[in-house]
C-alpha cells in the first residue's frame, strides 16, 4: 500500500521517489566523410592533382612527337649538307648568286633552306643564299635570334657539331618562323652552315619552338577545365551558403531577434525551395502551438480554480457548523482544506509546465541587464531573507548584458533564490555572485544548507525529483520538484548551462552561464547587493 506521504500525489508526482532513469544517449555525430566540406576538399585535391598528371603525360607525348619530327629534320639536313658538300668544297663552286638555285633542289613546300658562311679568319657569319628567296630583313632577324641563342658563337669557334633544335622567332612580316636544324660543313675557304626552317603554320607539329603549355590545344583545354572547376566550386559554395543562411535564419528565430525574413525569402537555390517552404510552415505551426498551449494553460487553470474556490468557500459554513467536540468532523474538514491546497498547487504547477513549454517554443529576446534584474529580485526577496535572518554575501558586476528572455531569466533566478532561502538554516549566509567571464554571464548562488548527495547532483534537475524529506507536516506541501527542471530548461533554451556543485563543509552551489550580448561590456567595479 502507498504511504501517506505519496497517496495524495498523482502518478506523475510520485516519480520523485522512483529510481532515476538512465540519461539519454547523445545522438551520433555525422561522419566527416559525408559532409560537403569533406567532399569539396577531395574534389579540390583531385582538381589539383589530376591536371598535373594529365599535363605531364601529354607533355611527354608531345616531346616524343617533337623528337621524332626533329630527328627527321636532322636527317634531312644531313642529306642536304652531304649533297652540297662537293659543290661547296670544290674550287669551281658557283658564284654566290647561283647558290640559291642550287638550294632550290632541296627545298619543298614546307622546308626553307638557307646557307650561312663564315670565311676563314673572320668571326662572323653571313647569309649568302636561301630558297625560297626571303627578304634581307627576315634574314637579319633570324641571324640575330641565332646570335642571341649563342649558336653562331659556338659555330665560329669550331665549325663542328649539329643543332637539331626548334627555335621560333617572329619575322618582320609578323609571321612565326621555326629554325629546325643547322648542319655545319668545314672547308678550306671557311665554315658553311646549312640552315633548314619552316613557317610555323606549315609544320605538322606547329608547337615546335615553344613550350607545351603555350599551345592552343592546352590553353583551350585549360579554359574548359577551369570553367568546370569554377562551376563545381560555385555549386558547392551555393549549397553551403544556402544551408548557412538557413542556419542563421533558424538561429534568428530561436533567439527571437529582429526578423530576417522567411526561409523562402532567404533561399536563392531552386532545389531548396521545397525545404524552405516546409521550414516556414514548421515555424508557423510552432508559433501557433505556443499560442495554443498558453491559451490552454490559462483556460485550464481558470477552469480548475473556479470549482476549487467554490469548494473552499462552501467549507466555511461547514466549519462553523461543526462543534468543537466533533474532532472527527474537524479533522475531515482539515483534510479537505489541505487537499484543496494540494490541488491548487498542482494546478499552478501544471500551468507553469505548460507556460515553460510555450516559452521554449516562442521566446522573444532582448539585450537584458542581468545585473539590474538580479538586484531587483534580491530586493523582492529581502523580506524572506530578514524573516529567516539570512545574510547575503557576494557582489554583482555592473552592466552584465545577455541576449535573453526576461521572463525566463527571472524564473531561473527566482527558483534558485527560493531554493537557497528555503534550505539555508536560520542565521546562515547565502552567497550571490554575477560577473562576465569568457564570453558568458556567470551567476553563482550558494547556500549553507544540507547540500545534495554527489550521486543526485544531476538528478535534482529532473522533473518531479525533490530532495525535500517528506513528513507528516508537509504531506500536502506544494513543492513538486519542477522548479530546477524549469530552470535548466530555460537556461539551455537560452544557449547556456546550469550545474549544481557541492560546497564544503555543507551546502549547494548553483552555477549558471548565459551567453553575453554582443554589446556587453564588463564593468570595472563590482556592485554589492543589498539584502
Protein backbone atom coordinates (compact mmCIF):
# COMPACT_ATOMS: atom_id res chain seq x y z
CA UNK A 1 0.00 0.00 0.00
CA UNK A 2 1.25 3.52 -0.66
CA UNK A 3 2.31 5.51 2.37
CA UNK A 4 0.53 8.65 3.45
CA UNK A 5 3.23 10.88 2.01
CA UNK A 6 2.58 9.77 -1.55
CA UNK A 7 -1.03 8.60 -1.51
CA UNK A 8 -2.38 12.00 -2.44
CA UNK A 9 0.03 12.63 -5.31
CA UNK A 10 -0.83 11.97 -8.96
CA UNK A 11 1.08 9.27 -10.77
CA UNK A 12 3.45 11.77 -12.33
CA UNK A 13 4.27 13.33 -8.95
CA UNK A 14 5.23 10.01 -7.43
CA UNK A 15 8.11 9.80 -9.91
CA UNK A 16 10.19 11.83 -7.47
CA UNK A 17 10.65 8.68 -5.38
CA UNK A 18 11.18 6.34 -8.35
CA UNK A 19 14.64 5.14 -9.39
CA UNK A 20 16.43 7.51 -11.75
CA UNK A 21 16.17 6.69 -15.41
CA UNK A 22 19.41 6.30 -17.37
CA UNK A 23 20.43 9.53 -19.08
CA UNK A 24 19.53 9.68 -22.77
CA UNK A 25 22.35 8.85 -25.10
CA UNK A 26 23.69 11.65 -27.24
CA UNK A 27 22.85 11.49 -30.90
CA UNK A 28 25.73 10.20 -33.01
CA UNK A 29 27.70 12.91 -34.73
CA UNK A 30 27.55 12.89 -38.53
CA UNK A 31 30.51 11.23 -40.13
CA UNK A 32 33.01 13.69 -41.54
CA UNK A 33 33.30 11.99 -44.91
CA UNK A 34 29.62 12.68 -45.55
CA UNK A 35 29.97 16.43 -45.19
CA UNK A 36 30.01 18.83 -48.10
CA UNK A 37 33.27 20.29 -46.80
CA UNK A 38 35.00 16.90 -46.93
CA UNK A 39 33.73 16.20 -50.42
CA UNK A 40 34.74 19.67 -51.58
CA UNK A 41 38.23 19.09 -50.15
CA UNK A 42 38.50 15.78 -52.01
CA UNK A 43 37.35 17.41 -55.24
CA UNK A 44 39.83 20.25 -54.76
CA UNK A 45 42.62 17.70 -54.32
CA UNK A 46 41.51 15.88 -57.47
CA UNK A 47 41.27 19.14 -59.39
CA UNK A 48 44.80 19.98 -58.31
CA UNK A 49 46.49 16.61 -58.89
CA UNK A 50 44.73 15.23 -61.96
CA UNK A 51 45.60 18.10 -64.34
CA UNK A 52 49.25 17.91 -63.29
CA UNK A 53 49.37 14.19 -64.03
CA UNK A 54 47.49 14.54 -67.33
CA UNK A 55 49.57 17.52 -68.37
CA UNK A 56 52.80 15.67 -67.63
CA UNK A 57 51.66 12.69 -69.68
CA UNK A 58 50.57 14.76 -72.66
CA UNK A 59 53.70 16.90 -72.46
CA UNK A 60 55.85 13.77 -72.57
CA UNK A 61 53.90 12.54 -75.60
CA UNK A 62 54.29 15.91 -77.27
CA UNK A 63 58.03 15.93 -76.63
CA UNK A 64 58.30 12.43 -78.07
CA UNK A 65 56.43 13.57 -81.18
CA UNK A 66 58.67 16.61 -81.48
CA UNK A 67 61.75 14.42 -81.08
CA UNK A 68 60.63 12.19 -83.96
CA UNK A 69 59.98 15.24 -86.12
CA UNK A 70 63.33 16.80 -85.27
CA UNK A 71 65.12 13.53 -85.99
CA UNK A 72 63.56 13.52 -89.43
CA UNK A 73 64.55 17.15 -89.92
CA UNK A 74 68.09 16.40 -88.84
CA UNK A 75 68.35 13.57 -91.36
CA UNK A 76 67.02 15.93 -94.00
CA UNK A 77 69.69 18.46 -93.08
CA UNK A 78 72.37 15.77 -93.30
CA UNK A 79 71.20 14.82 -96.76
CA UNK A 80 71.21 18.42 -97.96
CA UNK A 81 74.66 19.07 -96.49
CA UNK A 82 76.09 15.87 -97.99
CA UNK A 83 74.67 16.80 -101.38
CA UNK A 84 76.09 20.33 -101.17
CA UNK A 85 79.50 19.27 -99.80
CA UNK A 86 81.19 18.63 -103.19
CA UNK A 87 79.83 21.88 -104.51
CA UNK A 88 80.92 23.97 -101.51
CA UNK A 89 84.32 22.26 -101.04
CA UNK A 90 85.46 22.35 -104.67
CA UNK A 91 87.45 25.08 -106.25
CA UNK A 92 84.92 25.51 -109.02
CA UNK A 93 81.86 26.25 -106.84
CA UNK A 94 79.28 28.51 -108.44
CA UNK A 95 79.05 32.17 -107.71
CA UNK A 96 77.11 33.19 -104.66
CA UNK A 97 74.04 34.40 -106.58
CA UNK A 98 73.76 30.97 -108.21
CA UNK A 99 73.82 29.08 -104.91
CA UNK A 100 70.18 29.94 -104.33
CA UNK A 101 69.20 27.98 -107.40
CA UNK A 102 71.27 25.05 -106.16
CA UNK A 103 69.35 25.15 -102.87
CA UNK A 104 66.07 25.03 -104.76
CA UNK A 105 66.66 21.32 -105.42
CA UNK A 106 66.36 20.58 -101.69
CA UNK A 107 63.58 22.96 -100.67
CA UNK A 108 59.92 21.90 -100.72
CA UNK A 109 56.54 23.30 -99.78
CA UNK A 110 57.37 23.03 -96.08
CA UNK A 111 61.12 23.44 -95.83
CA UNK A 112 63.14 26.58 -96.45
CA UNK A 113 66.90 26.15 -96.96
CA UNK A 114 69.41 28.90 -96.18
CA UNK A 115 73.16 28.98 -96.34
CA UNK A 116 75.42 30.72 -93.82
CA UNK A 117 79.10 31.30 -94.48
CA UNK A 118 81.99 32.50 -92.30
CA UNK A 119 85.25 32.98 -94.29
CA UNK A 120 88.43 31.67 -92.71
CA UNK A 121 89.96 34.22 -90.38
CA UNK A 122 86.67 36.01 -89.58
CA UNK A 123 84.34 35.55 -86.61
CA UNK A 124 81.08 36.50 -88.24
CA UNK A 125 78.53 34.57 -90.30
CA UNK A 126 76.64 35.95 -93.23
CA UNK A 127 73.66 34.64 -95.12
CA UNK A 128 74.82 34.05 -98.67
CA UNK A 129 71.87 32.19 -100.19
CA UNK A 130 68.34 30.99 -99.49
CA UNK A 131 65.45 29.27 -101.18
CA UNK A 132 62.85 30.41 -101.48
CA UNK A 133 64.16 33.91 -101.59
CA UNK A 134 63.37 35.90 -98.46
CA UNK A 135 63.89 39.49 -97.58
CA UNK A 136 67.09 40.79 -96.07
CA UNK A 137 65.17 41.95 -93.02
CA UNK A 138 63.96 38.42 -92.33
CA UNK A 139 67.48 37.05 -92.69
CA UNK A 140 68.78 39.68 -90.29
CA UNK A 141 66.03 38.81 -87.79
CA UNK A 142 66.86 35.13 -88.00
CA UNK A 143 70.61 35.74 -87.64
CA UNK A 144 70.02 38.00 -84.62
CA UNK A 145 67.92 35.27 -82.99
CA UNK A 146 70.69 32.70 -83.60
CA UNK A 147 73.27 35.09 -82.21
CA UNK A 148 71.25 35.72 -79.05
CA UNK A 149 70.99 31.97 -78.52
CA UNK A 150 74.79 31.68 -78.75
CA UNK A 151 74.64 29.29 -81.69
CA UNK A 152 76.76 31.36 -84.06
CA UNK A 153 79.47 31.87 -81.43
CA UNK A 154 79.82 28.14 -80.95
CA UNK A 155 79.94 27.51 -84.69
CA UNK A 156 82.53 30.20 -85.32
CA UNK A 157 84.87 28.57 -82.81
CA UNK A 158 84.97 25.01 -84.17
CA UNK A 159 82.55 24.76 -87.13
CA UNK A 160 81.63 21.39 -85.73
CA UNK A 161 78.56 19.64 -84.38
CA UNK A 162 74.94 19.73 -85.38
CA UNK A 163 71.99 21.55 -83.97
CA UNK A 164 68.69 19.68 -84.36
CA UNK A 165 66.54 22.10 -82.38
CA UNK A 166 63.39 24.14 -82.77
CA UNK A 167 63.99 27.87 -82.49
CA UNK A 168 60.95 30.06 -83.07
CA UNK A 169 61.16 33.72 -83.95
CA UNK A 170 58.90 36.40 -85.35
CA UNK A 171 59.64 37.67 -88.86
CA UNK A 172 59.35 41.38 -89.72
CA UNK A 173 56.15 40.48 -91.57
CA UNK A 174 54.66 39.24 -88.31
CA UNK A 175 54.79 35.52 -89.11
CA UNK A 176 56.28 32.80 -86.94
CA UNK A 177 59.30 31.03 -88.40
CA UNK A 178 60.90 27.93 -86.85
CA UNK A 179 64.55 27.04 -87.40
CA UNK A 180 64.59 23.24 -87.26
CA UNK A 181 68.24 22.27 -87.91
CA UNK A 182 71.71 23.68 -88.52
CA UNK A 183 74.37 21.40 -90.06
CA UNK A 184 77.92 22.84 -90.35
CA UNK A 185 80.45 21.97 -93.07
CA UNK A 186 84.10 22.94 -92.66
CA UNK A 187 86.02 23.70 -95.86
CA UNK A 188 89.39 25.33 -96.62
CA UNK A 189 87.66 28.53 -97.55
CA UNK A 190 85.63 28.80 -94.37
CA UNK A 191 82.68 27.42 -92.41
CA UNK A 192 79.44 26.73 -94.19
CA UNK A 193 76.17 26.10 -92.31
CA UNK A 194 73.07 24.66 -93.93
CA UNK A 195 70.00 26.03 -92.12
CA UNK A 196 66.56 24.49 -92.55
CA UNK A 197 63.46 26.33 -91.37
CA UNK A 198 59.75 26.31 -91.91
CA UNK A 199 56.79 28.55 -91.38
CA UNK A 200 55.23 27.60 -88.04
CA UNK A 201 51.81 27.08 -89.56
CA UNK A 202 53.11 24.68 -92.22
CA UNK A 203 54.76 22.25 -89.79
CA UNK A 204 52.94 19.03 -88.89
CA UNK A 205 53.73 19.84 -85.26
CA UNK A 206 53.01 23.54 -85.02
CA UNK A 207 54.12 23.58 -81.36
CA UNK A 208 57.77 23.35 -82.30
CA UNK A 209 59.81 26.09 -80.73
CA UNK A 210 57.52 26.90 -77.83
CA UNK A 211 56.58 25.22 -74.52
CA UNK A 212 53.72 22.74 -74.50
CA UNK A 213 51.59 24.91 -72.19
CA UNK A 214 51.65 27.70 -74.79
CA UNK A 215 49.91 25.56 -77.42
CA UNK A 216 46.36 26.45 -78.34
CA UNK A 217 45.09 22.96 -77.50
CA UNK A 218 46.40 23.17 -73.96
CA UNK A 219 45.00 26.64 -73.46
CA UNK A 220 41.55 25.64 -74.71
CA UNK A 221 41.60 22.52 -72.52
CA UNK A 222 42.75 24.60 -69.54
CA UNK A 223 39.95 27.10 -70.11
CA UNK A 224 37.36 24.31 -70.24
CA UNK A 225 38.85 22.67 -67.15
CA UNK A 226 38.89 25.92 -65.20
CA UNK A 227 35.28 26.56 -66.19
CA UNK A 228 34.36 23.09 -64.90
CA UNK A 229 36.27 23.68 -61.66
CA UNK A 230 34.60 27.07 -61.21
CA UNK A 231 31.15 25.56 -61.86
CA UNK A 232 31.76 22.76 -59.35
CA UNK A 233 33.12 25.05 -56.65
CA UNK A 234 30.29 27.52 -57.25
CA UNK A 235 27.75 24.73 -56.88
CA UNK A 236 29.22 23.59 -53.56
CA UNK A 237 29.54 27.17 -52.36
CA UNK A 238 25.93 27.97 -53.30
CA UNK A 239 24.59 24.93 -51.43
CA UNK A 240 26.78 25.66 -48.42
CA UNK A 241 25.78 29.33 -48.43
CA UNK A 242 22.11 28.36 -48.66
CA UNK A 243 22.42 26.00 -45.71
CA UNK A 244 24.33 28.59 -43.68
CA UNK A 245 21.62 31.17 -44.41
CA UNK A 246 19.02 28.65 -43.29
CA UNK A 247 21.02 28.06 -40.09
CA UNK A 248 21.30 31.81 -39.46
CA UNK A 249 17.58 32.24 -40.04
CA UNK A 250 16.82 29.36 -37.65
CA UNK A 251 19.13 30.92 -35.05
CA UNK A 252 17.36 34.26 -35.50
CA UNK A 253 14.00 32.58 -34.92
CA UNK A 254 15.29 30.67 -31.89
CA UNK A 255 16.77 33.79 -30.33
CA UNK A 256 13.77 35.90 -31.40
CA UNK A 257 15.94 38.66 -32.75
CA UNK A 258 14.77 41.19 -35.35
CA UNK A 259 13.06 39.47 -38.22
CA UNK A 260 15.34 38.31 -41.00
CA UNK A 261 12.60 37.26 -43.37
CA UNK A 262 11.23 33.82 -44.08
CA UNK A 263 13.27 30.81 -45.13
CA UNK A 264 11.81 31.15 -48.59
CA UNK A 265 13.00 34.76 -48.81
CA UNK A 266 16.48 33.72 -47.70
CA UNK A 267 16.74 30.97 -50.34
CA UNK A 268 18.03 31.51 -53.87
CA UNK A 269 18.55 27.85 -54.86
CA UNK A 270 15.51 26.38 -56.68
CA UNK A 271 16.24 22.86 -55.40
CA UNK A 272 15.93 24.09 -51.79
CA UNK A 273 12.63 25.89 -52.35
CA UNK A 274 10.53 22.97 -51.03
CA UNK A 275 12.76 22.70 -47.96
CA UNK A 276 12.41 26.43 -47.29
CA UNK A 277 8.64 26.27 -47.57
CA UNK A 278 8.47 23.33 -45.16
CA UNK A 279 10.66 25.21 -42.68
CA UNK A 280 8.40 28.25 -42.89
CA UNK A 281 5.37 26.03 -42.37
CA UNK A 282 7.05 24.39 -39.37
CA UNK A 283 7.77 27.79 -37.80
CA UNK A 284 4.15 28.83 -38.28
CA UNK A 285 2.95 25.60 -36.68
CA UNK A 286 5.30 26.05 -33.71
CA UNK A 287 4.19 29.64 -33.17
CA UNK A 288 0.56 28.61 -33.35
CA UNK A 289 1.23 25.70 -30.97
CA UNK A 290 2.90 28.02 -28.46
CA UNK A 291 -0.11 30.34 -28.54
CA UNK A 292 -2.49 27.40 -28.15
CA UNK A 293 -0.51 25.97 -25.21
CA UNK A 294 -0.52 29.30 -23.39
CA UNK A 295 -4.24 29.75 -24.02
CA UNK A 296 -4.99 26.19 -22.92
CA UNK A 297 -2.85 26.61 -19.77
CA UNK A 298 -4.72 29.75 -18.83
CA UNK A 299 -8.14 28.26 -19.62
CA UNK A 300 -7.42 25.03 -17.73
CA UNK A 301 -6.09 26.89 -14.69
CA UNK A 302 -9.20 29.07 -14.65
CA UNK A 303 -11.47 26.04 -15.10
CA UNK A 304 -9.88 24.19 -12.18
CA UNK A 305 -9.51 27.12 -9.82
CA UNK A 306 -13.16 28.11 -10.06
CA UNK A 307 -14.53 24.88 -8.52
CA UNK A 308 -11.66 24.86 -6.01
CA UNK A 309 -12.65 28.33 -4.89
CA UNK A 310 -16.31 27.30 -4.69
CA UNK A 311 -15.43 24.26 -2.54
CA UNK A 312 -13.20 26.38 -0.29
CA UNK A 313 -15.99 28.94 0.23
CA UNK A 314 -18.52 26.18 0.87
CA UNK A 315 -16.33 24.78 3.66
CA UNK A 316 -16.60 27.95 5.72
CA UNK A 317 -20.21 27.43 6.89
CA UNK A 318 -19.46 23.75 7.48
CA UNK A 319 -16.51 24.64 9.72
CA UNK A 320 -18.73 27.00 11.75
CA UNK A 321 -21.48 24.40 12.00
CA UNK A 322 -19.24 21.62 13.39
CA UNK A 323 -18.94 21.59 17.13
CA UNK A 324 -15.57 21.75 18.80
CA UNK A 325 -16.21 18.37 20.41
CA UNK A 326 -16.57 16.76 16.98
CA UNK A 327 -12.88 16.14 16.39
CA UNK A 328 -13.56 13.69 13.59
CA UNK A 329 -15.53 16.24 11.64
CA UNK A 330 -12.92 18.94 12.19
CA UNK A 331 -10.18 16.57 11.00
CA UNK A 332 -12.20 15.76 7.87
CA UNK A 333 -12.60 19.47 7.09
CA UNK A 334 -8.87 19.99 7.66
CA UNK A 335 -8.04 17.17 5.26
CA UNK A 336 -10.35 18.68 2.66
CA UNK A 337 -8.68 22.07 3.03
CA UNK A 338 -5.20 20.53 2.79
CA UNK A 339 -6.27 18.57 -0.28
CA UNK A 340 -7.59 21.76 -1.83
CA UNK A 341 -4.22 23.41 -1.19
CA UNK A 342 -2.53 20.44 -2.79
CA UNK A 343 -4.87 20.56 -5.77
CA UNK A 344 -4.38 24.31 -6.08
CA UNK A 345 -0.60 23.74 -6.14
CA UNK A 346 -0.94 21.02 -8.76
CA UNK A 347 -2.97 23.34 -10.99
CA UNK A 348 -0.36 26.08 -10.61
CA UNK A 349 2.44 23.60 -11.36
CA UNK A 350 0.66 22.31 -14.45
CA UNK A 351 0.22 25.86 -15.65
CA UNK A 352 3.93 26.58 -15.05
CA UNK A 353 4.89 23.47 -17.02
CA UNK A 354 2.71 24.46 -19.97
CA UNK A 355 3.98 28.02 -19.94
CA UNK A 356 7.58 26.78 -19.76
CA UNK A 357 6.93 24.61 -22.82
CA UNK A 358 5.39 27.55 -24.68
CA UNK A 359 8.28 29.81 -23.68
CA UNK A 360 10.79 27.44 -25.24
CA UNK A 361 8.80 27.35 -28.47
CA UNK A 362 8.08 31.09 -28.63
CA UNK A 363 10.73 33.08 -26.82
CA UNK A 364 11.20 36.80 -27.61
CA UNK A 365 14.69 38.01 -26.70
CA UNK A 366 16.26 41.36 -25.99
CA UNK A 367 19.56 42.56 -24.55
CA UNK A 368 18.97 42.29 -20.80
CA UNK A 369 20.93 43.87 -17.97
CA UNK A 370 21.29 40.85 -15.71
CA UNK A 371 22.85 42.99 -13.01
CA UNK A 372 19.71 45.09 -12.76
CA UNK A 373 17.39 42.06 -12.85
CA UNK A 374 19.33 40.24 -10.13
CA UNK A 375 19.41 43.33 -7.92
CA UNK A 376 15.66 43.80 -8.32
CA UNK A 377 14.90 40.15 -7.47
CA UNK A 378 17.17 40.31 -4.41
CA UNK A 379 15.20 43.33 -3.23
CA UNK A 380 11.98 41.35 -3.74
CA UNK A 381 13.37 38.55 -1.52
CA UNK A 382 14.61 40.94 1.17
CA UNK A 383 11.64 40.21 3.46
CA UNK A 384 12.18 36.45 3.22
CA UNK A 385 15.89 36.92 3.97
CA UNK A 386 15.11 39.05 7.04
CA UNK A 387 12.45 36.63 8.24
CA UNK A 388 14.96 33.77 8.27
CA UNK A 389 17.81 36.04 9.45
CA UNK A 390 19.95 35.13 6.45
CA UNK A 391 22.98 37.18 5.47
CA UNK A 392 23.66 37.97 1.83
CA UNK A 393 27.26 37.96 0.63
CA UNK A 394 28.96 38.40 -2.72
CA UNK A 395 28.91 41.03 -5.44
CA UNK A 396 27.21 41.90 -8.71
CA UNK A 397 29.32 43.29 -11.53
CA UNK A 398 27.56 46.21 -13.26
CA UNK A 399 26.19 46.05 -16.81
CA UNK A 400 26.41 42.31 -17.38
CA UNK A 401 24.32 42.03 -20.53
CA UNK A 402 22.85 38.90 -22.12
CA UNK A 403 20.61 38.45 -25.15
CA UNK A 404 17.82 36.53 -23.44
CA UNK A 405 14.17 36.45 -22.45
CA UNK A 406 13.46 38.47 -19.32
CA UNK A 407 10.62 36.30 -18.02
CA UNK A 408 12.64 33.10 -18.43
CA UNK A 409 15.69 34.62 -16.73
CA UNK A 410 13.59 35.87 -13.83
CA UNK A 411 12.06 32.40 -13.44
CA UNK A 412 15.53 30.84 -13.23
CA UNK A 413 16.82 33.33 -10.64
CA UNK A 414 13.64 33.17 -8.55
CA UNK A 415 13.75 29.36 -8.40
CA UNK A 416 17.41 29.35 -7.38
CA UNK A 417 16.89 32.05 -4.73
CA UNK A 418 13.79 30.32 -3.37
CA UNK A 419 15.68 27.04 -3.05
CA UNK A 420 18.68 28.69 -1.41
CA UNK A 421 16.48 30.53 1.13
CA UNK A 422 14.30 27.53 1.95
CA UNK A 423 17.23 25.15 2.51
CA UNK A 424 19.51 27.52 4.43
CA UNK A 425 19.35 27.30 8.23
CA UNK A 426 18.42 30.46 10.05
CA UNK A 427 21.31 32.78 10.76
CA UNK A 428 23.48 31.38 7.94
CA UNK A 429 24.63 33.10 4.76
CA UNK A 430 23.68 32.97 1.09
CA UNK A 431 26.31 33.83 -1.49
CA UNK A 432 25.43 35.57 -4.76
CA UNK A 433 27.91 36.48 -7.46
CA UNK A 434 27.41 37.76 -11.04
CA UNK A 435 30.20 38.61 -13.47
CA UNK A 436 31.18 38.33 -17.13
CA UNK A 437 33.76 35.64 -17.87
CA UNK A 438 34.97 34.06 -21.13
CA UNK A 439 32.06 35.35 -23.21
CA UNK A 440 29.41 34.27 -20.68
CA UNK A 441 27.49 35.88 -17.86
CA UNK A 442 28.20 33.64 -14.86
CA UNK A 443 25.76 33.63 -11.93
CA UNK A 444 26.66 31.79 -8.71
CA UNK A 445 24.14 31.23 -5.91
CA UNK A 446 25.28 29.19 -2.92
CA UNK A 447 23.57 28.21 0.31
CA UNK A 448 24.69 26.67 3.60
CA UNK A 449 22.01 24.01 3.74
CA UNK A 450 22.34 20.24 3.98
CA UNK A 451 23.52 20.00 0.40
CA UNK A 452 22.87 17.21 -2.09
CA UNK A 453 24.48 13.79 -2.33
CA UNK A 454 27.02 13.58 -5.13
CA UNK A 455 25.00 10.90 -6.97
CA UNK A 456 21.98 13.25 -7.06
CA UNK A 457 23.68 16.45 -8.28
CA UNK A 458 22.45 15.80 -11.81
CA UNK A 459 19.13 14.26 -10.78
CA UNK A 460 17.92 17.38 -8.99
CA UNK A 461 17.24 18.88 -12.41
CA UNK A 462 14.91 16.02 -13.33
CA UNK A 463 11.22 16.72 -13.36
CA UNK A 464 9.41 15.75 -10.11
CA UNK A 465 12.66 14.93 -8.31
CA UNK A 466 12.92 16.56 -4.88
CA UNK A 467 15.46 16.41 -2.07
CA UNK A 468 12.91 17.59 0.47
CA UNK A 469 12.28 14.90 3.10
CA UNK A 470 8.56 14.00 3.23
CA UNK A 471 6.98 14.21 6.65
CA UNK A 472 3.56 14.41 8.15
CA UNK A 473 3.74 18.18 8.34
CA UNK A 474 4.42 18.66 4.66
CA UNK A 475 2.28 15.80 3.40
CA UNK A 476 0.38 18.32 1.33
CA UNK A 477 3.32 20.58 0.54
CA UNK A 478 3.12 22.27 -2.87
CA UNK A 479 6.76 21.61 -3.78
CA UNK A 480 6.58 19.17 -6.70
CA UNK A 481 10.19 19.14 -7.87
CA UNK A 482 9.73 21.13 -11.09
CA UNK A 483 11.50 24.38 -10.19
CA UNK A 484 15.02 23.24 -11.08
CA UNK A 485 13.70 21.35 -14.08
CA UNK A 486 12.19 24.57 -15.40
CA UNK A 487 15.39 26.44 -14.56
CA UNK A 488 17.53 24.01 -16.56
CA UNK A 489 15.10 24.03 -19.45
CA UNK A 490 15.08 27.83 -19.58
CA UNK A 491 18.87 28.14 -19.33
CA UNK A 492 19.53 25.58 -22.04
CA UNK A 493 16.89 27.15 -24.29
CA UNK A 494 18.81 30.44 -23.95
CA UNK A 495 22.02 28.72 -25.02
CA UNK A 496 23.54 28.48 -21.55
CA UNK A 497 24.36 25.85 -18.94
CA UNK A 498 23.39 25.22 -15.34
CA UNK A 499 25.26 22.98 -12.91
CA UNK A 500 25.00 22.02 -9.27
CA UNK A 501 28.15 21.67 -7.14
CA UNK A 502 28.66 20.56 -3.56
CA UNK A 503 30.03 23.14 -1.12
CA UNK A 504 32.35 22.47 1.76
CA UNK A 505 31.63 21.78 4.55
CA UNK A 506 27.95 21.79 3.56
CA UNK A 507 25.60 23.46 1.15
CA UNK A 508 24.92 23.63 -2.56
CA UNK A 509 26.31 25.95 -5.24
CA UNK A 510 24.33 26.60 -8.43
CA UNK A 511 26.42 27.83 -11.38
CA UNK A 512 24.52 29.39 -14.31
CA UNK A 513 26.23 30.56 -17.51
CA UNK A 514 24.38 32.56 -20.17
CA UNK A 515 25.91 33.92 -23.40
CA UNK A 516 26.82 37.58 -23.25
CA UNK A 517 25.13 40.02 -25.60
CA UNK A 518 27.27 41.36 -28.43
CA UNK A 519 27.25 44.83 -26.90
CA UNK A 520 28.09 43.57 -23.41
CA UNK A 521 30.86 45.41 -21.57
CA UNK A 522 32.26 44.29 -18.24
CA UNK A 523 32.27 46.98 -15.57
CA UNK A 524 35.39 47.80 -13.64
CA UNK A 525 34.00 47.85 -10.10
CA UNK A 526 31.54 45.40 -8.52
CA UNK A 527 28.26 46.44 -7.00
CA UNK A 528 27.32 44.73 -3.75
CA UNK A 529 23.73 43.53 -3.46
CA UNK A 530 21.56 44.66 -0.62
CA UNK A 531 19.58 42.10 1.34
